[in-house]
N, C-alpha and C. Protein backbone atom coordinates (compact mmCIF):
# COMPACT_ATOMS: atom_id res chain seq x y z
N MET A 1 0.86 -1.19 0.00
CA MET A 1 0.00 0.00 0.00
C MET A 1 0.89 1.23 0.00
N LYS A 2 0.74 2.07 -1.01
CA LYS A 2 1.52 3.30 -1.12
C LYS A 2 0.71 4.44 -0.50
N ILE A 3 1.26 5.03 0.55
CA ILE A 3 0.61 6.15 1.24
C ILE A 3 0.97 7.44 0.52
N LYS A 4 -0.05 8.21 0.15
CA LYS A 4 0.19 9.46 -0.57
C LYS A 4 -0.27 10.69 0.20
N THR A 5 -1.18 10.51 1.15
CA THR A 5 -1.69 11.67 1.86
C THR A 5 -1.51 11.51 3.37
N PHE A 6 -1.52 12.64 4.03
CA PHE A 6 -1.44 12.67 5.49
C PHE A 6 -2.59 11.87 6.10
N GLU A 7 -3.78 12.05 5.55
CA GLU A 7 -4.96 11.38 6.08
C GLU A 7 -4.86 9.87 5.94
N ASP A 8 -4.35 9.40 4.80
CA ASP A 8 -4.16 7.96 4.61
C ASP A 8 -3.15 7.41 5.60
N ALA A 9 -2.08 8.15 5.83
CA ALA A 9 -1.05 7.72 6.77
C ALA A 9 -1.61 7.64 8.18
N MET A 10 -2.40 8.62 8.58
CA MET A 10 -2.99 8.61 9.91
C MET A 10 -3.96 7.44 10.07
N LYS A 11 -4.74 7.17 9.03
CA LYS A 11 -5.68 6.04 9.08
C LYS A 11 -4.91 4.73 9.25
N ARG A 12 -3.83 4.57 8.50
CA ARG A 12 -3.03 3.34 8.61
C ARG A 12 -2.38 3.24 9.99
N LEU A 13 -1.92 4.35 10.54
CA LEU A 13 -1.35 4.34 11.89
C LEU A 13 -2.39 3.88 12.92
N GLU A 14 -3.62 4.32 12.76
CA GLU A 14 -4.69 3.88 13.66
C GLU A 14 -4.91 2.38 13.54
N GLU A 15 -4.90 1.88 12.31
CA GLU A 15 -5.08 0.44 12.08
C GLU A 15 -3.97 -0.35 12.75
N ILE A 16 -2.74 0.10 12.58
CA ILE A 16 -1.59 -0.57 13.18
C ILE A 16 -1.71 -0.56 14.70
N SER A 17 -2.05 0.58 15.25
CA SER A 17 -2.18 0.72 16.70
C SER A 17 -3.23 -0.23 17.24
N GLU A 18 -4.39 -0.28 16.59
CA GLU A 18 -5.47 -1.16 17.04
C GLU A 18 -5.05 -2.62 16.95
N LYS A 19 -4.37 -2.97 15.87
CA LYS A 19 -3.95 -4.35 15.71
C LYS A 19 -2.96 -4.76 16.80
N LEU A 20 -2.03 -3.88 17.10
CA LEU A 20 -1.05 -4.19 18.13
C LEU A 20 -1.67 -4.23 19.53
N GLU A 21 -2.69 -3.41 19.77
CA GLU A 21 -3.32 -3.35 21.08
C GLU A 21 -4.36 -4.45 21.31
N ASN A 22 -5.05 -4.85 20.24
CA ASN A 22 -6.23 -5.70 20.42
C ASN A 22 -6.09 -7.14 19.97
N SER A 23 -4.94 -7.54 19.52
CA SER A 23 -4.85 -8.93 19.07
C SER A 23 -3.51 -9.53 19.44
N ASP A 24 -3.48 -10.84 19.40
CA ASP A 24 -2.24 -11.55 19.65
C ASP A 24 -1.46 -11.59 18.33
N VAL A 25 -0.45 -10.76 18.26
CA VAL A 25 0.35 -10.65 17.05
C VAL A 25 1.71 -11.28 17.33
N ALA A 26 2.16 -12.09 16.39
CA ALA A 26 3.46 -12.72 16.54
C ALA A 26 4.56 -11.66 16.60
N LEU A 27 5.66 -12.00 17.22
CA LEU A 27 6.77 -11.06 17.40
C LEU A 27 7.24 -10.49 16.06
N ASP A 28 7.45 -11.33 15.07
CA ASP A 28 7.93 -10.85 13.76
C ASP A 28 6.95 -9.86 13.13
N GLU A 29 5.66 -10.16 13.23
CA GLU A 29 4.66 -9.26 12.68
C GLU A 29 4.61 -7.96 13.48
N SER A 30 4.76 -8.05 14.80
CA SER A 30 4.78 -6.85 15.64
C SER A 30 5.92 -5.93 15.25
N VAL A 31 7.09 -6.50 15.04
CA VAL A 31 8.26 -5.70 14.64
C VAL A 31 8.02 -5.07 13.28
N SER A 32 7.43 -5.84 12.36
CA SER A 32 7.14 -5.31 11.02
C SER A 32 6.13 -4.16 11.09
N LEU A 33 5.10 -4.33 11.90
CA LEU A 33 4.10 -3.28 12.06
C LEU A 33 4.71 -2.05 12.72
N TYR A 34 5.56 -2.26 13.71
CA TYR A 34 6.22 -1.14 14.37
C TYR A 34 7.09 -0.38 13.37
N GLU A 35 7.83 -1.09 12.55
CA GLU A 35 8.68 -0.46 11.54
C GLU A 35 7.85 0.35 10.55
N GLU A 36 6.73 -0.22 10.10
CA GLU A 36 5.84 0.50 9.19
C GLU A 36 5.29 1.75 9.88
N GLY A 37 4.91 1.61 11.14
CA GLY A 37 4.39 2.74 11.89
C GLY A 37 5.39 3.87 12.01
N MET A 38 6.65 3.53 12.26
CA MET A 38 7.68 4.56 12.38
C MET A 38 7.88 5.29 11.05
N LYS A 39 7.81 4.58 9.94
CA LYS A 39 7.91 5.23 8.63
C LYS A 39 6.73 6.17 8.40
N LEU A 40 5.56 5.74 8.84
CA LEU A 40 4.37 6.59 8.70
C LEU A 40 4.47 7.83 9.58
N VAL A 41 4.99 7.68 10.78
CA VAL A 41 5.18 8.83 11.67
C VAL A 41 6.13 9.83 11.02
N ASP A 42 7.20 9.34 10.43
CA ASP A 42 8.15 10.20 9.74
C ASP A 42 7.49 10.92 8.57
N PHE A 43 6.70 10.18 7.79
CA PHE A 43 5.96 10.76 6.67
C PHE A 43 5.04 11.88 7.15
N CYS A 44 4.28 11.61 8.21
CA CYS A 44 3.34 12.61 8.75
C CYS A 44 4.08 13.82 9.29
N SER A 45 5.19 13.60 9.97
CA SER A 45 5.97 14.72 10.50
C SER A 45 6.46 15.62 9.38
N LYS A 46 6.92 15.03 8.30
CA LYS A 46 7.39 15.81 7.16
C LYS A 46 6.25 16.58 6.52
N LYS A 47 5.09 15.94 6.39
CA LYS A 47 3.93 16.63 5.82
C LYS A 47 3.53 17.83 6.69
N LEU A 48 3.52 17.65 7.99
CA LEU A 48 3.16 18.74 8.90
C LEU A 48 4.19 19.87 8.83
N GLU A 49 5.45 19.52 8.75
CA GLU A 49 6.50 20.54 8.65
C GLU A 49 6.36 21.31 7.34
N ASP A 50 6.08 20.62 6.25
CA ASP A 50 5.86 21.29 4.96
C ASP A 50 4.68 22.26 5.05
N ALA A 51 3.60 21.82 5.68
CA ALA A 51 2.42 22.68 5.82
C ALA A 51 2.74 23.88 6.68
N ARG A 52 3.45 23.66 7.77
CA ARG A 52 3.82 24.76 8.67
C ARG A 52 4.65 25.80 7.94
N ASN A 53 5.55 25.35 7.09
CA ASN A 53 6.40 26.27 6.35
C ASN A 53 5.63 27.06 5.30
N LYS A 54 4.48 26.56 4.85
CA LYS A 54 3.69 27.26 3.83
C LYS A 54 2.71 28.26 4.42
N ILE A 55 2.37 28.05 5.67
CA ILE A 55 1.39 28.94 6.31
C ILE A 55 2.03 30.30 6.56
N GLN A 56 1.32 31.31 6.21
CA GLN A 56 1.82 32.66 6.47
C GLN A 56 0.72 33.46 7.15
N ILE A 57 1.16 34.30 8.03
CA ILE A 57 0.23 35.22 8.69
C ILE A 57 0.21 36.50 7.87
N ILE A 58 -0.98 36.91 7.52
CA ILE A 58 -1.11 38.17 6.78
C ILE A 58 -1.55 39.23 7.78
N LYS A 59 -0.80 40.30 7.78
CA LYS A 59 -1.16 41.37 8.70
C LYS A 59 -1.15 42.70 7.95
N LYS A 60 -2.06 43.53 8.31
CA LYS A 60 -2.11 44.85 7.71
C LYS A 60 -1.11 45.75 8.41
N VAL A 61 -0.39 46.46 7.61
CA VAL A 61 0.61 47.37 8.15
C VAL A 61 0.08 48.79 7.94
N GLU A 62 0.59 49.73 8.68
CA GLU A 62 0.08 51.09 8.74
C GLU A 62 -0.40 51.68 7.42
N LYS A 63 0.37 51.76 6.43
CA LYS A 63 0.00 52.52 5.24
C LYS A 63 -0.88 51.74 4.27
N GLY A 64 -1.58 50.74 4.77
CA GLY A 64 -2.56 50.03 3.96
C GLY A 64 -2.00 48.89 3.13
N HIS A 65 -0.70 48.72 3.11
CA HIS A 65 -0.19 47.57 2.35
C HIS A 65 -0.16 46.33 3.25
N ILE A 66 -0.07 45.21 2.63
CA ILE A 66 -0.10 43.95 3.36
C ILE A 66 1.29 43.34 3.38
N GLU A 67 1.64 42.85 4.51
CA GLU A 67 2.94 42.22 4.70
C GLU A 67 2.70 40.78 5.16
N THR A 68 3.58 39.89 4.80
CA THR A 68 3.44 38.51 5.27
C THR A 68 4.66 38.15 6.09
N GLU A 69 4.45 37.21 6.99
CA GLU A 69 5.58 36.67 7.73
C GLU A 69 5.34 35.18 7.92
N ASP A 70 6.39 34.43 8.01
CA ASP A 70 6.27 32.99 8.19
C ASP A 70 5.62 32.69 9.52
N PHE A 71 4.84 31.65 9.55
CA PHE A 71 4.17 31.18 10.75
C PHE A 71 4.83 29.89 11.21
N TYR A 72 5.32 29.87 12.42
CA TYR A 72 5.94 28.67 12.93
C TYR A 72 5.21 28.10 14.13
N GLY A 73 4.15 28.73 14.56
CA GLY A 73 3.37 28.21 15.67
C GLY A 73 4.20 27.96 16.90
N ASP A 74 4.03 26.78 17.50
CA ASP A 74 4.74 26.42 18.72
C ASP A 74 6.08 25.76 18.45
N ALA A 75 6.48 25.67 17.19
CA ALA A 75 7.71 24.96 16.84
C ALA A 75 8.95 25.66 17.34
N GLU A 76 8.89 26.98 17.50
CA GLU A 76 10.07 27.71 17.95
C GLU A 76 10.08 27.86 19.44
């Protein structure tokens, strides 16, 4: 399964989490699921960072022109 969107990755992470929490999974499968989950976490983190870097706060400045500045939220 090729994950292309943040939403798909989050859905798959939920599936992995439920499977690990609610069933008897063999050790090899658990390790494989954990590895897949870590790749998905990395994918989601990168997507969120990309989105954060694109968000800009638009503010009106005195003489009526608009200025933008990067938005970093709580990351800084």
